Amino acid sequence: MSVLRPPMALFSGTAHPELAAAVAQNLGIELGPLKITRFPDSEIYIKFEDSVRGTDAFVLQPTCAPIDANLLELLILLDALKRASANSISVVLPYYGYARQEKKDRPREPITAKLIANLLTTAGADRIVAMDLHADAIQGFFDIPVDHLTAIGAITDYLATKNLENTVVVSPDEGRVKKVRKIASRLHCPLAVGYKFRPSHGIAEISGLAGDVKGKTCIVYDDMISTGGSINEIIDMLIASGANPEIYVACTHAVLAGPAVERLSRPEIKELIVTDTIPISPEKRTEKTTVISVAHLFAEAIRRIWTGDSVSELFND
């Protein structure tokens, strides 16, 4: 006996329409018609052009720069869908802005990642689909289902095609060890770990390195690269420890703010491997940059959510 499901609809905010279009293509559907404009005083106006009543609506919008504008746009999109009687509303968040503020390191600080979770839920989200959250604990900030996807498999598959020899996978800090160990396991190579601390916001220092990197080709992975400070520090440490001066750097979220492009252009970096969770403008790309699309992962997750199939099976090791 076949099960009648509500129709699926995928909508895109203005943060990353290219990724949304690729996801829709993978799903074999068209993006839902949507009008997003601004009033003369810069207030956002949103209108869904077709009826969404009874649909399972998916809204794709990374909260990347300009973070506050993209976040507010997303909240207004959710409110409009809720008021238009969508059957369910799933937020597809390729990149979760404010994720680094997931705990209080000092007195009188906010936990902004929790605030964002509250705002998304209050605005109307029934489900979150995220990728490589900066802290896994953020899933617990929501009282609605969270499907936590990862780009590690896609990045590892690409690295496997390089047929690198005598390699070691490097985590720039202890917090990334669990994810980096998965890459090392899949590539059948050892793991090294840097010991990082932050004397202030935006400043990273690597105080030591655990693991043998002498004469080896290093693959450095981090979930995001913002200003490139951590990557710069770990590469200095690897070179000082005798690593092969052809280092591969990989990340899921290429924020690439401030001096990041300059830092990542240093000659010891052989290749910078990133995904398209965040749009990467031409000025932030060099001949060393390789962009891996994660559209197929989001499309398959959306398809499984809509059909009621397991999403976690996508990432079984």
Protein backbone atom coordinates (compact mmCIF):
# COMPACT_ATOMS: atom_id res chain seq x y z
CA MET A 1 0.00 0.00 0.00
CA SER A 2 1.59 3.28 -1.09
CA VAL A 3 1.93 6.14 1.38
CA LEU A 4 0.67 9.53 0.28
CA ARG A 5 3.24 12.19 1.17
CA PRO A 6 2.86 15.95 1.14
CA PRO A 7 4.53 17.57 -1.87
CA MET A 8 8.17 18.64 -1.46
CA ALA A 9 9.31 22.19 -2.12
CA LEU A 10 12.85 23.58 -1.98
CA PHE A 11 13.47 27.30 -1.59
CA SER A 12 16.66 29.35 -1.59
CA GLY A 13 17.51 32.52 0.25
CA THR A 14 19.98 34.95 -1.26
CA ALA A 15 23.05 33.67 0.65
CA HIS A 16 23.99 30.82 -1.72
CA PRO A 17 21.60 30.39 -4.67
CA GLU A 18 24.23 28.43 -6.66
CA LEU A 19 24.33 25.63 -4.09
CA ALA A 20 20.53 25.61 -3.82
CA ALA A 21 20.23 25.31 -7.60
CA ALA A 22 22.68 22.38 -7.60
CA VAL A 23 20.73 20.65 -4.83
CA ALA A 24 17.48 21.12 -6.77
CA GLN A 25 19.13 19.69 -9.89
CA ASN A 26 20.27 16.64 -7.92
CA LEU A 27 16.72 16.20 -6.66
CA GLY A 28 15.27 16.60 -10.15
CA ILE A 29 13.05 19.52 -9.13
CA GLU A 30 12.87 23.26 -9.67
CA LEU A 31 13.51 25.76 -6.89
CA GLY A 32 10.26 27.20 -5.57
CA PRO A 33 9.43 30.71 -6.84
CA LEU A 34 10.26 33.30 -4.23
CA LYS A 35 10.46 37.10 -4.18
CA ILE A 36 13.07 38.69 -1.91
CA THR A 37 13.56 42.46 -2.08
CA ARG A 38 14.38 45.33 0.24
CA PHE A 39 12.47 48.48 1.06
CA PRO A 40 14.30 51.80 0.63
CA ASP A 41 15.27 51.74 4.33
CA SER A 42 16.84 48.25 3.81
CA GLU A 43 14.08 46.24 5.53
CA ILE A 44 13.63 42.80 3.94
CA TYR A 45 10.45 41.91 2.05
CA ILE A 46 9.67 38.27 1.24
CA LYS A 47 6.79 36.66 -0.63
CA PHE A 48 6.35 33.05 -1.76
CA GLU A 49 4.94 33.25 -5.28
CA ASP A 50 3.03 29.93 -5.17
CA SER A 51 0.92 28.30 -2.48
CA VAL A 52 2.94 26.35 0.11
CA ARG A 53 -0.06 25.12 2.07
CA GLY A 54 0.46 21.49 3.07
CA THR A 55 3.96 21.20 1.56
CA ASP A 56 7.10 19.78 3.15
CA ALA A 57 9.19 22.91 2.69
CA PHE A 58 13.00 22.96 2.72
CA VAL A 59 14.81 26.31 2.93
CA LEU A 60 18.52 26.40 2.04
CA GLN A 61 20.41 29.33 3.52
CA PRO A 62 23.92 29.26 5.01
CA THR A 63 24.30 31.99 7.62
CA CYS A 64 27.64 33.14 6.20
CA ALA A 65 28.77 36.73 5.65
CA PRO A 66 26.95 39.04 5.82
CA ILE A 67 25.90 36.81 8.73
CA ASP A 68 23.36 39.06 10.42
CA ALA A 69 21.57 39.92 7.15
CA ASN A 70 21.46 36.29 5.99
CA LEU A 71 20.23 35.12 9.39
CA LEU A 72 17.43 37.70 9.53
CA GLU A 73 16.39 36.83 5.97
CA LEU A 74 16.20 33.17 6.99
CA LEU A 75 14.06 33.95 10.02
CA ILE A 76 11.64 35.95 7.87
CA LEU A 77 11.47 33.10 5.34
CA LEU A 78 10.52 30.70 8.12
CA ASP A 79 7.89 33.03 9.51
CA ALA A 80 6.32 33.43 6.07
CA LEU A 81 6.20 29.64 5.55
CA LYS A 82 4.67 29.05 8.96
CA ARG A 83 1.98 31.67 8.38
CA ALA A 84 1.29 30.19 4.93
CA SER A 85 0.46 26.78 6.52
CA ALA A 86 3.37 24.67 5.27
CA ASN A 87 3.04 21.10 6.55
CA SER A 88 6.66 21.02 7.76
CA ILE A 89 9.62 23.40 7.55
CA SER A 90 13.19 22.09 7.35
CA VAL A 91 16.11 24.51 7.47
CA VAL A 92 19.09 23.40 5.40
CA LEU A 93 22.09 25.15 6.99
CA PRO A 94 25.25 24.34 5.06
CA TYR A 95 27.10 26.72 7.38
CA TYR A 96 25.97 27.66 10.91
CA GLY A 97 27.00 31.20 11.77
CA TYR A 98 27.92 32.02 15.38
CA ALA A 99 28.79 28.33 15.96
CA ARG A 100 32.10 29.25 17.63
CA GLN A 101 30.22 30.88 20.51
CA GLU A 102 28.84 27.59 21.86
CA LYS A 103 30.03 28.03 25.46
CA LYS A 104 31.16 30.69 27.92
CA ASP A 105 34.94 30.98 28.08
CA ARG A 106 34.83 34.13 30.19
CA PRO A 107 32.32 35.76 32.57
CA ARG A 108 29.49 37.82 31.11
CA GLU A 109 29.74 36.33 27.61
CA PRO A 110 26.72 35.12 25.57
CA ILE A 111 26.22 31.60 24.24
CA THR A 112 25.20 32.88 20.83
CA ALA A 113 25.00 29.46 19.15
CA LYS A 114 22.16 28.59 21.58
CA LEU A 115 20.45 31.92 20.90
CA ILE A 116 20.49 31.20 17.16
CA ALA A 117 18.96 27.78 17.80
CA ASN A 118 16.17 29.40 19.80
CA LEU A 119 15.52 31.98 17.08
CA LEU A 120 15.30 29.37 14.31
CA THR A 121 12.89 27.22 16.33
CA THR A 122 10.71 30.16 17.34
CA ALA A 123 10.56 31.40 13.75
CA GLY A 124 9.06 28.08 12.65
CA ALA A 125 11.76 25.49 11.94
CA ASP A 126 10.65 21.88 12.49
CA ARG A 127 14.00 20.32 11.54
CA ILE A 128 17.60 21.41 10.98
CA VAL A 129 19.93 19.92 8.35
CA ALA A 130 23.48 21.09 9.10
CA MET A 131 26.98 20.15 7.98
CA ASP A 132 30.11 19.80 10.10
CA LEU A 133 29.04 21.96 13.02
CA HIS A 134 31.96 23.60 14.79
CA ALA A 135 30.90 21.81 17.97
CA ASP A 136 28.81 18.62 17.93
CA ALA A 137 27.11 19.77 21.15
CA ILE A 138 25.19 22.41 19.18
CA GLN A 139 22.80 19.64 18.13
CA GLY A 140 21.64 19.58 21.76
CA PHE A 141 20.74 23.27 21.65
CA PHE A 142 17.68 22.36 19.57
CA ASP A 143 14.48 20.73 20.81
CA ILE A 144 13.70 19.69 17.23
CA PRO A 145 15.43 17.01 15.09
CA VAL A 146 18.90 17.86 13.76
CA ASP A 147 20.45 15.91 10.90
CA HIS A 148 24.19 16.50 11.17
CA LEU A 149 25.85 15.82 7.82
CA THR A 150 29.59 15.71 7.16
CA ALA A 151 31.78 16.47 4.17
CA ILE A 152 34.60 14.27 5.47
CA GLY A 153 33.72 11.41 3.11
CA ALA A 154 33.69 13.68 0.05
CA ILE A 155 37.01 15.28 1.04
CA THR A 156 38.59 11.90 1.77
CA ASP A 157 37.40 10.46 -1.55
CA TYR A 158 39.09 13.35 -3.33
CA LEU A 159 42.31 12.96 -1.36
CA ALA A 160 42.36 9.23 -2.18
CA THR A 161 42.58 10.09 -5.88
CA LYS A 162 45.88 11.91 -5.25
CA ASN A 163 47.59 8.56 -4.46
CA LEU A 164 49.83 10.27 -1.91
CA GLU A 165 52.56 8.24 -0.22
CA ASN A 166 54.17 8.46 3.22
CA THR A 167 51.35 10.68 4.48
CA VAL A 168 50.13 11.79 7.88
CA VAL A 169 46.82 13.53 8.62
CA VAL A 170 47.14 16.47 10.99
CA SER A 171 44.61 18.03 13.32
CA PRO A 172 45.54 21.63 14.20
CA ASP A 173 44.03 21.22 17.67
CA GLU A 174 42.67 18.61 20.06
CA GLY A 175 39.06 19.55 19.34
CA ARG A 176 39.19 18.24 15.78
CA VAL A 177 40.87 14.91 16.58
CA LYS A 178 37.71 12.80 16.31
CA LYS A 179 36.94 14.00 12.79
CA VAL A 180 40.55 13.97 11.63
CA ARG A 181 40.94 10.39 12.88
CA LYS A 182 38.17 9.39 10.46
CA ILE A 183 40.16 10.82 7.56
CA ALA A 184 43.33 9.06 8.72
CA SER A 185 41.45 5.77 9.08
CA ARG A 186 39.98 5.97 5.60
CA LEU A 187 43.33 6.88 4.06
CA HIS A 188 45.15 4.24 6.16
CA CYS A 189 47.75 6.63 7.47
CA PRO A 190 48.85 7.91 10.92
CA LEU A 191 47.57 10.94 12.81
CA ALA A 192 49.37 13.94 14.29
CA VAL A 193 47.85 16.59 16.58
CA GLY A 194 48.75 20.19 17.27
CA TYR A 195 48.17 21.77 20.67
CA LYS A 196 46.43 25.11 20.14
CA PHE A 197 45.40 27.86 22.48
CA ARG A 198 43.89 31.28 21.84
CA PRO A 199 45.34 34.17 23.87
CA SER A 200 42.55 36.38 22.44
CA HIS A 201 39.75 36.31 19.84
CA GLY A 202 41.06 35.66 16.34
CA ILE A 203 44.57 34.82 17.57
CA ALA A 204 45.77 31.19 17.54
CA GLU A 205 49.07 29.81 18.77
CA ILE A 206 50.32 26.23 18.39
CA SER A 207 52.46 25.29 21.38
CA GLY A 208 53.40 21.74 20.40
CA LEU A 209 52.88 18.78 18.10
CA ALA A 210 52.21 15.12 18.89
CA GLY A 211 53.08 12.62 16.17
CA ASP A 212 55.86 11.89 13.69
CA VAL A 213 55.80 14.15 10.62
CA LYS A 214 59.47 14.15 9.67
CA GLY A 215 59.88 13.55 5.94
CA LYS A 216 56.13 12.95 5.54
CA THR A 217 53.51 14.58 3.31
CA CYS A 218 50.99 16.23 5.64
CA ILE A 219 47.24 16.64 5.16
CA VAL A 220 45.84 19.27 7.53
CA TYR A 221 42.06 19.26 8.12
CA ASP A 222 39.91 21.74 10.03
CA ASP A 223 36.15 22.18 9.95
CA MET A 224 36.49 25.84 9.00
CA ILE A 225 39.19 28.27 7.98
CA SER A 226 38.40 31.84 8.99
CA THR A 227 41.48 34.07 8.96
CA GLY A 228 43.91 31.19 8.40
CA GLY A 229 45.79 31.88 11.63
CA SER A 230 45.55 28.32 12.94
CA ILE A 231 46.61 26.88 9.59
CA ASN A 232 49.53 29.29 9.40
CA GLU A 233 50.69 28.27 12.88
CA ILE A 234 50.39 24.51 12.31
CA ILE A 235 52.28 24.73 9.01
CA ASP A 236 55.11 26.59 10.75
CA MET A 237 55.20 23.79 13.33
CA LEU A 238 55.14 21.05 10.67
CA ILE A 239 57.98 22.61 8.68
CA ALA A 240 60.01 23.10 11.87
CA SER A 241 59.42 19.42 12.65
CA GLY A 242 60.85 18.29 9.30
CA ALA A 243 57.65 17.67 7.30
CA ASN A 244 57.72 17.58 3.50
CA PRO A 245 57.20 21.24 2.41
CA GLU A 246 54.27 20.23 0.17
CA ILE A 247 51.31 20.33 2.53
CA TYR A 248 47.67 19.70 1.64
CA VAL A 249 45.13 21.79 3.55
CA ALA A 250 41.44 20.83 3.65
CA CYS A 251 38.36 22.23 5.33
CA THR A 252 34.58 22.05 5.04
CA HIS A 253 33.75 25.73 5.50
CA ALA A 254 35.96 28.22 3.63
CA VAL A 255 35.12 31.43 5.50
CA LEU A 256 38.40 33.01 4.31
CA ALA A 257 38.13 36.33 6.13
CA GLY A 258 40.72 39.06 6.51
CA PRO A 259 44.27 37.88 5.68
CA ALA A 260 43.24 34.27 4.99
CA VAL A 261 43.93 34.26 1.23
CA GLU A 262 47.38 35.77 1.72
CA ARG A 263 48.23 33.30 4.48
CA LEU A 264 47.03 30.33 2.44
CA SER A 265 49.09 31.40 -0.58
CA ARG A 266 52.38 30.49 1.13
CA PRO A 267 54.55 28.17 -1.00
CA GLU A 268 54.49 25.24 1.46
CA ILE A 269 50.77 24.73 0.75
CA LYS A 270 50.48 22.43 -2.26
CA GLU A 271 46.67 22.53 -2.48
CA LEU A 272 43.74 24.03 -0.59
CA ILE A 273 40.71 21.71 -0.68
CA VAL A 274 37.37 23.20 0.40
CA THR A 275 33.66 22.56 -0.15
CA ASP A 276 30.93 24.86 -1.42
CA THR A 277 28.95 25.20 1.84
CA ILE A 278 29.85 28.90 1.59
CA PRO A 279 30.01 30.80 -1.72
CA ILE A 280 33.66 31.52 -2.60
CA SER A 281 34.17 34.66 -4.65
CA PRO A 282 36.83 34.69 -7.39
CA GLU A 283 39.14 36.94 -5.37
CA LYS A 284 39.24 34.32 -2.63
CA ARG A 285 40.36 31.56 -5.01
CA THR A 286 43.89 30.87 -6.23
CA GLU A 287 45.32 28.28 -8.59
CA LYS A 288 45.82 26.09 -5.52
CA THR A 289 42.11 26.07 -4.60
CA THR A 290 39.96 23.00 -5.26
CA VAL A 291 36.24 23.28 -4.49
CA ILE A 292 34.30 20.05 -3.86
CA SER A 293 30.52 20.28 -4.15
CA VAL A 294 28.37 18.89 -1.34
CA ALA A 295 25.11 19.44 -3.27
CA HIS A 296 24.61 15.70 -3.75
CA LEU A 297 24.87 15.10 0.01
CA PHE A 298 22.26 17.71 0.84
CA ALA A 299 20.00 16.46 -1.97
CA GLU A 300 20.15 12.88 -0.74
CA ALA A 301 19.53 13.97 2.86
CA ILE A 302 16.50 16.00 1.78
CA ARG A 303 15.19 13.07 -0.26
CA ARG A 304 15.54 10.71 2.71
CA ILE A 305 13.91 13.13 5.12
CA TRP A 306 10.97 13.53 2.76
CA THR A 307 10.56 9.77 2.22
CA GLY A 308 11.14 8.88 5.87
CA ASP A 309 14.34 6.92 5.20
CA SER A 310 17.47 6.94 7.37
CA VAL A 311 19.80 9.92 6.94
CA SER A 312 22.54 8.50 9.17
CA GLU A 313 23.03 5.57 6.77
CA LEU A 314 24.58 8.09 4.36
CA PHE A 315 27.61 8.32 6.64
CA ASN A 316 28.03 4.84 8.08
CA ASP A 317 31.74 4.03 8.32
